[in-house]
Amino acid sequence: MTRTATYLSLAGIELDRDQPRSLQQQLYDALREMILSGQLPAGTRIPPTRALCTELEVSRITVVTAIKQLTSEGYVHGIPGRGTFVAEALPESMLTMDAEPTSPEATPLTHRLSKRGAAIVSYPMEAPTVSHIFQPGVPDVTQFPWHIWQRIVTRILKTYSPHDVGYADAAGYSPLREAIAKHVQITRRVRCTPEQVIITTGTQQAIYLTAQLLLEPGDKAWLENPGYIGAVGALQAAEVTLVPVPVDQGGLDVSAGIARAADAKLAYVTPSHQYPNGGTLDLTRRMQLLEWAKAANAFLIEDDYDSEFRYTGHPLASLQGLDQHQRVIYIGTFSKTLFPGLRLGYAIVPPGLQTAFATARSNLDRGSEWMSQKALSEFMAEGHFVRHIRRMRTLYGYRQQVLIEALQQECADWLSVEPAPAGLHLMGKFKHAISDQRVAEQLRTVGIAAPALARYTIAPLDYGGLVFGYGATDEGEIRASVRKLRKIFEEEGMRNG
């Protein structure tokens, strides 16, 4: 079929900004229906991105996301230099919008997963959201010194050698491991050598490697409840039995953990800033936890995910620094301190385990990408990392104050919130029996990404709440969003009344 350079106007597509569905989902659905119904015949050229943005009055990312999804599913395809066109032939299964399964006995794909695979996907991570407002764990990337990072990357590209771009040590780039070891020794009192540092793609991979290497199927593992839900899938990949352990303002209730499963072989903890409750594990419980690990021949994963952002006093000494029996795997990430897309983290393992971790990393994916590691090592060596942390600590501390003041002024009748000594999030605890999942869903419809506390549990709690990330939410957005939350609480109050 001969194509021309012209294209049809799609200005007639109606997008409803008041709908719960995102604009990109609405656009994808509309284009897909037009293709399947024949309104956009095979070979029709889809308007260019800029034209669609103008016609529909939407952002470029909305259009690009919808077109990418259509392309990946075979509805359209791109021709370099010419544009994007409706596919010449669609699979028969696509020709009707409500196609029935090919056979009554057809088995959904998820039923074909292995037992281990089903366990891995049973606790999915929160899907990335377009909105950054109150999304936990997200730093303000607009404040990152991109000009410095660009200068470093440009310098590296000009001076690289063939050795740099070949297969390297799966444990990580040696200068970066040295920089990390030096940093945590000074700021967190971690006791380690550079050889004990294993570079990972982030916290998730560090937990996964630990579970795969140190646990047997059926072993019990303590998890904070509520806690970091991302640890669940990584641990379940090792087919372990998860034991929820309650937390309070003193952090993990170690006595409760011992009472529930004294024979556990691992405990995942966030002692410096419990996620998401915000408590700090006190010294008595730290020593109790270490003694239990020694007696039970168990390991501890110490996730020190945001200790650099501490607003009262100095960063606390690590649990690993107190360990006399080599039971602690200390893990950290640069997703919060720099930017999530960097995908670099680390595990500091006891002496004697570094070879096993490096070998496992090699078997898994041959190690992290070279450019990012080298750039980060130079960023740290030149002092930019420490300066960035200091600057962001001031900014985030101020945003936390603004959030607390706004919540206390607007939502004190429904929610209690206390200052957190560290981190990029606050947990607000409901004063009444309101569904936090329903409130979180209503917030999403108005562009606010604060998740329900229930999202972080593996065992039910007797209270609800919301988790507010303030890292990427500026002062104006904080105040305006809290006012929206108040309106939702007022509606909930009327419903419950």
Protein backbone atom coordinates (compact mmCIF):
# COMPACT_ATOMS: atom_id res chain seq x y z
CA MET A 1 0.00 0.00 0.00
CA THR A 2 1.35 3.38 -0.94
CA ARG A 3 1.72 5.80 1.93
CA THR A 4 1.69 9.57 1.71
CA ALA A 5 3.27 12.16 3.93
CA THR A 6 -0.15 13.38 5.06
CA TYR A 7 -1.96 12.24 8.18
CA LEU A 8 -5.45 12.44 9.63
CA SER A 9 -6.31 14.94 12.32
CA LEU A 10 -7.22 13.25 15.62
CA ALA A 11 -8.43 16.40 17.34
CA GLY A 12 -11.82 14.73 17.82
CA ILE A 13 -10.47 12.37 20.47
CA GLU A 14 -11.93 13.40 23.82
CA LEU A 15 -9.78 13.11 26.92
CA ASP A 16 -11.42 13.59 30.32
CA ARG A 17 -9.06 15.05 32.93
CA ASP A 18 -11.52 14.26 35.70
CA GLN A 19 -11.39 10.53 35.05
CA PRO A 20 -9.36 8.22 37.34
CA ARG A 21 -7.64 6.81 34.23
CA SER A 22 -4.50 8.66 33.22
CA LEU A 23 -4.51 10.74 30.04
CA GLN A 24 -2.00 8.42 28.37
CA GLN A 25 -4.24 5.43 29.14
CA GLN A 26 -7.25 7.24 27.68
CA LEU A 27 -5.30 8.16 24.56
CA TYR A 28 -4.02 4.59 24.16
CA ASP A 29 -7.56 3.19 24.54
CA ALA A 30 -9.00 5.67 22.02
CA LEU A 31 -6.36 4.98 19.36
CA ARG A 32 -6.59 1.22 19.87
CA GLU A 33 -10.37 1.28 19.46
CA MET A 34 -10.10 3.39 16.30
CA ILE A 35 -7.62 0.90 14.82
CA LEU A 36 -9.68 -2.17 15.70
CA SER A 37 -12.92 -0.60 14.48
CA GLY A 38 -11.36 0.39 11.14
CA GLN A 39 -11.58 4.15 11.72
CA LEU A 40 -7.81 4.15 11.30
CA PRO A 41 -7.20 1.67 8.45
CA ALA A 42 -3.96 -0.20 7.90
CA GLY A 43 -1.25 2.07 6.58
CA THR A 44 -2.74 5.25 8.05
CA ARG A 45 -0.09 7.63 9.29
CA ILE A 46 -0.45 8.64 12.94
CA PRO A 47 0.05 12.39 13.48
CA PRO A 48 3.52 13.39 14.71
CA THR A 49 3.99 13.78 18.45
CA ARG A 50 4.04 17.58 18.33
CA ALA A 51 0.84 17.70 16.29
CA LEU A 52 -0.98 15.38 18.68
CA CYS A 53 0.19 17.40 21.66
CA THR A 54 -1.20 20.55 20.09
CA GLU A 55 -4.48 19.03 18.91
CA LEU A 56 -5.27 17.27 22.20
CA GLU A 57 -3.64 19.84 24.52
CA VAL A 58 -1.60 17.27 26.38
CA SER A 59 2.07 16.88 27.26
CA ARG A 60 4.59 15.15 25.04
CA ILE A 61 5.13 12.35 27.58
CA THR A 62 1.41 11.53 27.44
CA VAL A 63 1.54 11.07 23.66
CA VAL A 64 4.89 9.27 23.60
CA THR A 65 3.82 6.81 26.31
CA ALA A 66 0.59 5.92 24.48
CA ILE A 67 2.33 5.48 21.11
CA LYS A 68 5.08 3.34 22.66
CA GLN A 69 2.47 1.03 24.16
CA LEU A 70 0.67 0.70 20.81
CA THR A 71 3.98 -0.01 19.10
CA SER A 72 5.00 -2.68 21.60
CA GLU A 73 1.66 -4.45 21.09
CA GLY A 74 1.88 -4.39 17.29
CA TYR A 75 -0.90 -1.95 16.51
CA VAL A 76 1.45 0.59 14.93
CA HIS A 77 5.05 0.66 13.75
CA GLY A 78 7.54 3.37 13.00
CA ILE A 79 9.48 3.93 9.79
CA PRO A 80 12.65 6.00 10.33
CA GLY A 81 12.38 9.39 8.68
CA ARG A 82 8.75 8.89 7.66
CA GLY A 83 6.62 8.52 10.78
CA THR A 84 4.37 6.07 12.61
CA PHE A 85 1.77 4.01 10.72
CA VAL A 86 -1.07 1.64 11.58
CA ALA A 87 0.12 -1.95 11.10
CA GLU A 88 -0.72 -3.56 7.75
CA ALA A 89 -2.00 -6.77 9.36
CA LEU A 90 -3.29 -7.26 12.85
CA PRO A 91 -3.42 -10.67 14.53
CA GLU A 92 -6.91 -12.14 14.40
CA SER A 93 -7.12 -12.03 18.19
CA MET A 94 -6.93 -8.22 17.95
CA LEU A 95 -9.74 -7.75 15.46
CA THR A 96 -12.47 -7.82 18.11
CA MET A 97 -12.33 -5.78 21.27
CA ASP A 98 -13.79 -8.52 23.47
CA ALA A 99 -12.23 -11.60 21.95
CA GLU A 100 -12.95 -14.83 23.79
CA PRO A 101 -10.13 -17.18 24.81
CA THR A 102 -9.22 -19.60 22.05
CA SER A 103 -10.22 -22.51 24.24
CA PRO A 104 -12.32 -22.97 27.39
CA GLU A 105 -9.35 -24.84 28.80
CA ALA A 106 -6.94 -21.97 28.10
CA THR A 107 -4.81 -21.36 31.19
CA PRO A 108 -3.89 -17.82 32.21
CA LEU A 109 -0.18 -17.21 31.94
CA THR A 110 0.19 -16.66 35.68
CA HIS A 111 -0.93 -20.26 36.27
CA ARG A 112 2.09 -21.46 34.35
CA LEU A 113 4.54 -19.85 36.75
CA SER A 114 6.66 -22.02 38.96
CA LYS A 115 5.95 -22.09 42.67
CA ARG A 116 8.94 -19.81 43.17
CA GLY A 117 7.77 -17.48 40.39
CA ALA A 118 4.31 -17.19 41.90
CA ALA A 119 5.88 -16.28 45.24
CA ILE A 120 8.05 -13.60 43.63
CA VAL A 121 5.10 -11.78 42.03
CA SER A 122 2.67 -12.20 44.94
CA TYR A 123 3.71 -8.85 46.43
CA PRO A 124 4.17 -6.51 43.44
CA MET A 125 6.04 -3.25 43.91
CA GLU A 126 4.01 -0.05 43.70
CA ALA A 127 3.86 0.90 40.03
CA PRO A 128 5.70 4.11 39.14
CA THR A 129 3.33 7.04 38.99
CA VAL A 130 3.39 10.15 36.85
CA SER A 131 2.69 12.24 39.93
CA HIS A 132 5.58 13.01 42.29
CA ILE A 133 3.39 14.71 44.91
CA PHE A 134 3.89 12.90 48.22
CA GLN A 135 5.38 9.86 46.48
CA PRO A 136 7.66 8.23 49.07
CA GLY A 137 11.30 7.54 48.37
CA VAL A 138 11.69 10.04 45.54
CA PRO A 139 14.35 12.76 45.82
CA ASP A 140 14.14 16.15 44.13
CA VAL A 141 16.15 15.42 40.99
CA THR A 142 15.75 19.02 39.81
CA GLN A 143 18.22 20.01 42.54
CA PHE A 144 20.88 17.54 41.44
CA PRO A 145 24.03 19.22 40.02
CA TRP A 146 23.57 17.89 36.52
CA HIS A 147 26.15 20.27 35.08
CA ILE A 148 28.83 18.69 37.27
CA TRP A 149 27.69 15.16 36.40
CA GLN A 150 27.71 16.02 32.69
CA ARG A 151 31.22 17.43 32.96
CA ILE A 152 32.45 14.25 34.64
CA VAL A 153 30.77 11.97 32.08
CA THR A 154 32.16 14.02 29.18
CA ARG A 155 35.66 13.79 30.63
CA ILE A 156 35.33 10.03 31.03
CA LEU A 157 34.20 9.56 27.45
CA LYS A 158 37.18 11.55 26.20
CA THR A 159 39.70 9.49 28.14
CA TYR A 160 38.26 5.96 28.21
CA SER A 161 40.36 2.92 27.31
CA PRO A 162 39.32 -0.40 25.74
CA HIS A 163 39.82 -1.99 29.15
CA ASP A 164 37.15 0.27 30.63
CA VAL A 165 34.40 -0.94 28.31
CA GLY A 166 35.13 -4.66 28.54
CA TYR A 167 33.87 -7.15 31.11
CA ALA A 168 34.98 -6.02 34.54
CA ASP A 169 34.98 -7.22 38.14
CA ALA A 170 31.40 -8.27 38.95
CA ALA A 171 31.93 -7.03 42.51
CA GLY A 172 32.13 -3.51 41.12
CA TYR A 173 34.47 -0.79 39.96
CA SER A 174 37.35 -0.76 42.42
CA PRO A 175 37.64 3.06 42.93
CA LEU A 176 33.90 3.23 43.62
CA ARG A 177 34.13 0.43 46.19
CA GLU A 178 36.97 2.33 47.85
CA ALA A 179 34.96 5.58 47.89
CA ILE A 180 31.93 3.84 49.40
CA ALA A 181 34.01 2.11 52.07
CA LYS A 182 35.61 5.41 53.05
CA HIS A 183 32.27 7.21 53.15
CA VAL A 184 30.47 4.71 55.38
CA GLN A 185 33.46 4.34 57.66
CA ILE A 186 33.41 8.08 58.38
CA THR A 187 29.67 8.80 58.39
CA ARG A 188 28.17 5.52 59.63
CA ARG A 189 31.02 3.91 61.57
CA VAL A 190 30.83 0.84 59.41
CA ARG A 191 33.83 -1.43 59.81
CA CYS A 192 34.89 -2.73 56.43
CA THR A 193 37.50 -2.89 53.71
CA PRO A 194 36.82 -2.02 50.04
CA GLU A 195 36.95 -5.75 49.28
CA GLN A 196 33.81 -6.28 51.38
CA VAL A 197 31.83 -3.81 49.23
CA ILE A 198 29.75 -5.43 46.49
CA ILE A 199 28.17 -3.04 43.98
CA THR A 200 24.54 -3.88 43.16
CA THR A 201 21.80 -2.35 41.04
CA GLY A 202 20.11 -1.22 44.23
CA THR A 203 18.53 -2.39 47.45
CA GLN A 204 16.36 -5.01 45.77
CA GLN A 205 19.29 -6.88 44.29
CA ALA A 206 21.23 -6.74 47.54
CA ILE A 207 18.34 -8.37 49.42
CA TYR A 208 17.87 -10.92 46.64
CA LEU A 209 21.53 -11.96 46.65
CA THR A 210 21.58 -12.28 50.43
CA ALA A 211 18.49 -14.47 50.50
CA GLN A 212 19.65 -16.69 47.65
CA LEU A 213 23.10 -17.24 49.13
CA LEU A 214 22.34 -17.56 52.83
CA LEU A 215 18.85 -19.05 53.19
CA GLU A 216 17.40 -22.49 52.52
CA PRO A 217 13.83 -23.03 51.28
CA GLY A 218 11.54 -23.07 54.30
CA ASP A 219 13.82 -20.98 56.51
CA LYS A 220 12.05 -18.27 58.49
CA ALA A 221 12.83 -14.59 58.03
CA TRP A 222 11.67 -11.68 60.18
CA LEU A 223 10.14 -8.70 58.40
CA GLU A 224 9.13 -5.42 60.01
CA ASN A 225 5.35 -4.92 59.93
CA PRO A 226 4.64 -2.39 58.56
CA GLY A 227 7.83 -2.35 56.55
CA TYR A 228 9.50 -2.10 53.18
CA ILE A 229 7.30 -4.25 50.97
CA GLY A 230 10.02 -4.51 48.33
CA ALA A 231 11.87 -6.94 50.59
CA VAL A 232 8.98 -9.40 50.40
CA GLY A 233 9.39 -10.43 46.76
CA ALA A 234 13.18 -10.66 47.07
CA LEU A 235 12.89 -12.95 50.09
CA GLN A 236 10.07 -15.02 48.66
CA ALA A 237 12.26 -15.74 45.65
CA ALA A 238 14.31 -17.84 48.08
CA GLU A 239 11.12 -19.67 49.16
CA VAL A 240 11.42 -18.62 52.79
CA THR A 241 8.67 -18.29 55.38
CA LEU A 242 7.98 -14.65 56.22
CA VAL A 243 7.40 -13.77 59.87
CA PRO A 244 5.82 -10.32 60.43
CA VAL A 245 7.26 -8.59 63.50
CA PRO A 246 5.58 -5.48 64.94
CA VAL A 247 7.36 -2.13 65.20
CA ASP A 248 6.90 0.94 67.36
CA GLN A 249 8.75 4.22 67.90
CA GLY A 250 11.66 2.18 69.23
CA GLY A 251 11.87 0.26 65.95
CA LEU A 252 11.61 -3.50 65.59
CA ASP A 253 10.15 -5.27 68.64
CA VAL A 254 12.94 -7.82 69.01
CA SER A 255 11.26 -9.62 71.91
CA ALA A 256 8.16 -10.14 69.78
CA GLY A 257 10.30 -11.52 66.97
CA ILE A 258 11.98 -14.01 69.30
CA ALA A 259 8.59 -15.05 70.68
CA ARG A 260 7.20 -15.62 67.17
CA ALA A 261 10.19 -17.31 65.56
CA ALA A 262 13.34 -17.66 67.64
CA ASP A 263 14.64 -20.13 65.06
CA ALA A 264 14.51 -17.67 62.15
CA LYS A 265 17.63 -17.47 60.01
CA LEU A 266 17.38 -13.85 58.87
CA ALA A 267 15.92 -10.52 59.94
CA TYR A 268 15.45 -7.59 57.57
CA VAL A 269 15.60 -4.32 59.53
CA THR A 270 15.79 -0.56 58.98
CA PRO A 271 17.29 0.43 62.35
CA SER A 272 18.32 4.03 61.63
CA HIS A 273 14.93 5.13 60.28
CA GLN A 274 12.24 2.44 60.30
CA TYR A 275 10.35 2.33 57.01
CA PRO A 276 7.66 3.66 56.99
CA ASN A 277 6.93 4.17 60.71
CA GLY A 278 9.96 6.42 61.24
CA GLY A 279 11.21 4.98 64.55
CA THR A 280 14.86 4.45 65.46
CA LEU A 281 16.06 1.15 66.92
CA ASP A 282 17.45 1.99 70.34
CA LEU A 283 20.76 0.65 71.64
CA THR A 284 19.16 -1.92 73.95
CA ARG A 285 17.23 -3.49 71.08
CA ARG A 286 20.27 -3.32 68.80
CA MET A 287 22.32 -5.34 71.23
CA GLN A 288 19.40 -7.74 71.80
CA LEU A 289 19.08 -8.23 68.05
CA LEU A 290 22.79 -8.92 67.62
CA GLU A 291 22.76 -11.40 70.50
CA TRP A 292 19.79 -13.20 69.00
CA ALA A 293 21.51 -13.41 65.60
CA LYS A 294 24.60 -14.93 67.20
CA ALA A 295 22.60 -17.47 69.22
CA ALA A 296 20.33 -18.42 66.31
CA ASN A 297 23.16 -18.49 63.76
CA ALA A 298 21.11 -15.99 61.79
CA PHE A 299 21.99 -13.05 59.56
CA LEU A 300 20.73 -9.48 59.68
CA ILE A 301 20.12 -7.28 56.64
CA GLU A 302 20.62 -3.67 57.76
CA ASP A 303 18.98 -1.45 55.16
CA ASP A 304 20.42 2.04 55.67
CA TYR A 305 18.40 3.58 52.85
CA ASP A 306 18.31 7.29 53.83
CA SER A 307 20.50 7.84 56.89
CA GLU A 308 22.38 10.71 55.21
CA PHE A 309 19.31 12.91 55.58
CA ARG A 310 19.26 13.30 59.34
CA TYR A 311 17.89 16.54 60.77
CA THR A 312 18.65 16.20 64.49
CA GLY A 313 22.19 15.54 65.60
CA HIS A 314 24.65 13.41 63.65
CA PRO A 315 23.82 10.27 61.68
CA LEU A 316 23.55 7.29 64.01
CA ALA A 317 26.25 4.65 64.12
CA SER A 318 25.33 1.58 62.13
CA LEU A 319 24.21 -1.75 63.54
CA GLN A 320 27.03 -3.28 61.52
CA GLY A 321 29.56 -1.22 63.48
CA LEU A 322 28.39 -2.90 66.71
CA ASP A 323 28.54 -6.41 65.28
CA GLN A 324 31.29 -8.56 66.78
CA HIS A 325 30.26 -11.83 65.15
CA GLN A 326 29.97 -11.02 61.42
CA ARG A 327 26.21 -11.46 61.25
CA VAL A 328 25.25 -8.17 59.49
CA ILE A 329 24.86 -7.53 55.77
CA TYR A 330 24.85 -3.73 55.47
CA ILE A 331 23.10 -2.39 52.34
CA GLY A 332 22.71 1.11 50.93
CA THR A 333 21.52 2.86 47.79
CA PHE A 334 22.14 6.05 45.83
CA SER A 335 18.52 6.21 44.66
CA LYS A 336 17.54 8.55 47.51
CA THR A 337 20.73 10.58 47.79
CA LEU A 338 21.23 11.18 44.04
CA PHE A 339 18.56 9.95 41.61
CA PRO A 340 16.65 6.65 41.20
CA GLY A 341 17.61 6.13 37.57
CA LEU A 342 21.27 5.74 38.54
CA ARG A 343 20.47 2.16 39.66
CA LEU A 344 23.49 1.76 41.89
CA GLY A 345 23.58 0.43 45.42
CA TYR A 346 25.87 -1.74 47.49
CA ALA A 347 26.08 -4.54 50.01
CA ILE A 348 28.87 -4.67 52.59
CA VAL A 349 29.27 -8.31 53.50
CA PRO A 350 31.24 -10.03 56.29
CA PRO A 351 34.78 -11.16 55.46
CA GLY A 352 34.69 -14.55 53.79
CA LEU A 353 31.45 -13.89 51.91
CA GLN A 354 32.70 -11.38 49.35
CA THR A 355 33.80 -14.04 46.85
CA ALA A 356 30.42 -15.78 47.04
CA PHE A 357 28.54 -12.50 46.54
CA ALA A 358 30.77 -11.44 43.65
CA THR A 359 30.38 -14.83 41.96
CA ALA A 360 26.60 -14.71 42.39
CA ARG A 361 26.56 -11.19 40.94
CA SER A 362 28.56 -12.41 37.96
CA ASN A 363 26.19 -15.32 37.37
CA LEU A 364 23.19 -13.04 37.67
CA ASP A 365 24.08 -10.20 35.30
CA ARG A 366 27.90 -9.89 35.06
CA GLY A 367 27.95 -6.69 37.14
CA SER A 368 26.83 -3.07 36.90
CA GLU A 369 27.33 -0.76 33.94
CA TRP A 370 30.80 0.81 33.81
CA MET A 371 30.05 4.45 32.99
CA SER A 372 27.76 5.13 35.95
CA GLN A 373 30.16 3.49 38.39
CA LYS A 374 33.15 5.47 37.15
CA ALA A 375 31.21 8.73 37.11
CA LEU A 376 29.93 8.17 40.64
CA SER A 377 33.38 7.31 41.95
CA GLU A 378 34.77 10.60 40.59
CA PHE A 379 31.70 12.52 41.81
CA MET A 380 32.44 11.21 45.32
CA ALA A 381 36.22 11.61 45.12
CA GLU A 382 35.91 15.29 44.12
CA GLY A 383 33.66 16.05 47.11
CA HIS A 384 30.46 16.71 45.14
CA PHE A 385 28.56 13.91 46.86
CA VAL A 386 29.07 15.26 50.38
CA ARG A 387 28.27 18.82 49.30
CA HIS A 388 25.08 17.68 47.58
CA ILE A 389 23.99 15.75 50.68
CA ARG A 390 24.54 18.79 52.91
CA ARG A 391 22.54 21.05 50.63
CA MET A 392 19.67 18.61 50.21
CA ARG A 393 19.54 17.89 53.94
CA THR A 394 18.69 21.55 54.54
CA LEU A 395 16.05 21.59 51.80
CA TYR A 396 14.38 18.34 52.88
CA GLY A 397 14.39 19.35 56.53
CA TYR A 398 12.53 22.54 55.63
CA ARG A 399 10.00 20.65 53.51
CA GLN A 400 9.31 18.28 56.37
CA GLN A 401 8.55 21.26 58.63
CA VAL A 402 6.18 22.71 56.03
CA LEU A 403 4.39 19.36 55.68
CA ILE A 404 3.96 18.93 59.44
CA GLU A 405 2.62 22.46 59.85
CA ALA A 406 0.18 22.00 56.95
CA LEU A 407 -1.11 18.66 58.24
CA GLN A 408 -1.53 19.97 61.77
CA GLN A 409 -3.38 23.05 60.54
CA GLU A 410 -5.65 21.32 58.01
CA CYS A 411 -6.02 17.69 59.10
CA ALA A 412 -5.52 17.55 62.88
CA ASP A 413 -9.05 16.21 63.42
CA TRP A 414 -8.36 13.11 61.36
CA LEU A 415 -4.63 12.46 61.38
CA SER A 416 -1.71 12.62 63.80
CA VAL A 417 1.83 13.18 62.61
CA GLU A 418 5.12 13.58 64.45
CA PRO A 419 8.44 15.02 63.23
CA ALA A 420 10.86 12.43 61.88
CA PRO A 421 14.54 12.72 62.79
CA ALA A 422 15.59 11.62 59.31
CA GLY A 423 14.50 10.60 55.84
CA LEU A 424 12.27 11.74 53.00
CA HIS A 425 8.88 10.66 54.32
CA LEU A 426 6.45 10.97 57.22
CA MET A 427 3.79 8.54 58.34
CA GLY A 428 0.43 10.04 59.30
CA LYS A 429 -1.69 7.84 61.58
CA PHE A 430 -5.48 8.01 61.31
CA LYS A 431 -7.42 8.96 64.44
CA HIS A 432 -10.63 7.33 63.21
CA ALA A 433 -11.68 4.11 61.54
CA ILE A 434 -11.33 5.29 57.95
CA SER A 435 -10.10 3.08 55.12
CA ASP A 436 -6.61 4.28 54.26
CA GLN A 437 -6.75 2.40 50.96
CA ARG A 438 -9.92 4.25 49.95
CA VAL A 439 -8.44 7.62 50.93
CA ALA A 440 -5.24 6.83 48.99
CA GLU A 441 -7.29 5.89 45.92
CA GLN A 442 -9.23 9.16 46.14
CA LEU A 443 -5.96 11.07 46.42
CA ARG A 444 -4.70 9.39 43.25
CA THR A 445 -7.69 10.72 41.33
CA VAL A 446 -6.55 14.27 42.14
CA GLY A 447 -2.89 13.62 41.30
CA ILE A 448 -1.51 12.84 44.77
CA ALA A 449 0.61 9.73 45.24
CA ALA A 450 0.58 9.26 49.05
CA PRO A 451 0.08 5.47 49.56
CA ALA A 452 -1.98 3.78 52.25
CA LEU A 453 -0.15 2.34 55.25
CA ALA A 454 -1.85 -0.97 54.47
CA ARG A 455 0.35 -1.12 51.36
CA TYR A 456 3.35 -1.77 53.62
CA THR A 457 1.95 -4.65 55.67
CA ILE A 458 2.09 -8.43 55.45
CA ALA A 459 -0.16 -8.80 58.49
CA PRO A 460 -3.18 -6.58 59.32
CA LEU A 461 -2.76 -3.57 61.61
CA ASP A 462 -5.36 -2.19 64.00
CA TYR A 463 -4.89 1.34 62.62
CA GLY A 464 -4.64 3.04 59.25
CA GLY A 465 -2.60 5.87 57.85
CA LEU A 466 -0.87 7.46 54.90
CA VAL A 467 2.80 7.75 53.98
CA PHE A 468 3.82 11.20 52.73
CA GLY A 469 6.99 11.55 50.70
CA TYR A 470 8.13 15.16 50.66
CA GLY A 471 11.46 14.85 48.85
CA ALA A 472 10.17 15.80 45.39
CA THR A 473 7.21 17.92 46.53
CA ASP A 474 7.86 21.64 46.86
CA GLU A 475 6.34 23.91 49.50
CA GLY A 476 3.46 25.18 47.36
CA GLU A 477 2.49 21.66 46.29
CA ILE A 478 2.62 20.49 49.90
CA ARG A 479 0.15 23.10 51.14
CA ALA A 480 -2.22 22.74 48.17
CA SER A 481 -2.22 18.95 48.38
CA VAL A 482 -2.89 18.91 52.11
CA ARG A 483 -5.95 21.09 51.48
CA LYS A 484 -7.18 18.50 49.00
CA LEU A 485 -6.61 15.80 51.62
CA ARG A 486 -8.70 17.77 54.12
CA LYS A 487 -11.62 17.84 51.69
CA ILE A 488 -11.40 14.07 51.28
CA PHE A 489 -11.36 13.61 55.05
CA GLU A 490 -14.42 15.83 55.34
CA GLU A 491 -16.25 13.68 52.79
CA GLU A 492 -15.19 10.53 54.60
CA GLY A 493 -16.38 12.01 57.89
CA MET A 494 -19.83 12.63 56.42
CA ARG A 495 -19.95 9.09 55.02
CA ASN A 496 -18.89 7.48 58.31
CA GLY A 497 -21.24 9.74 60.26
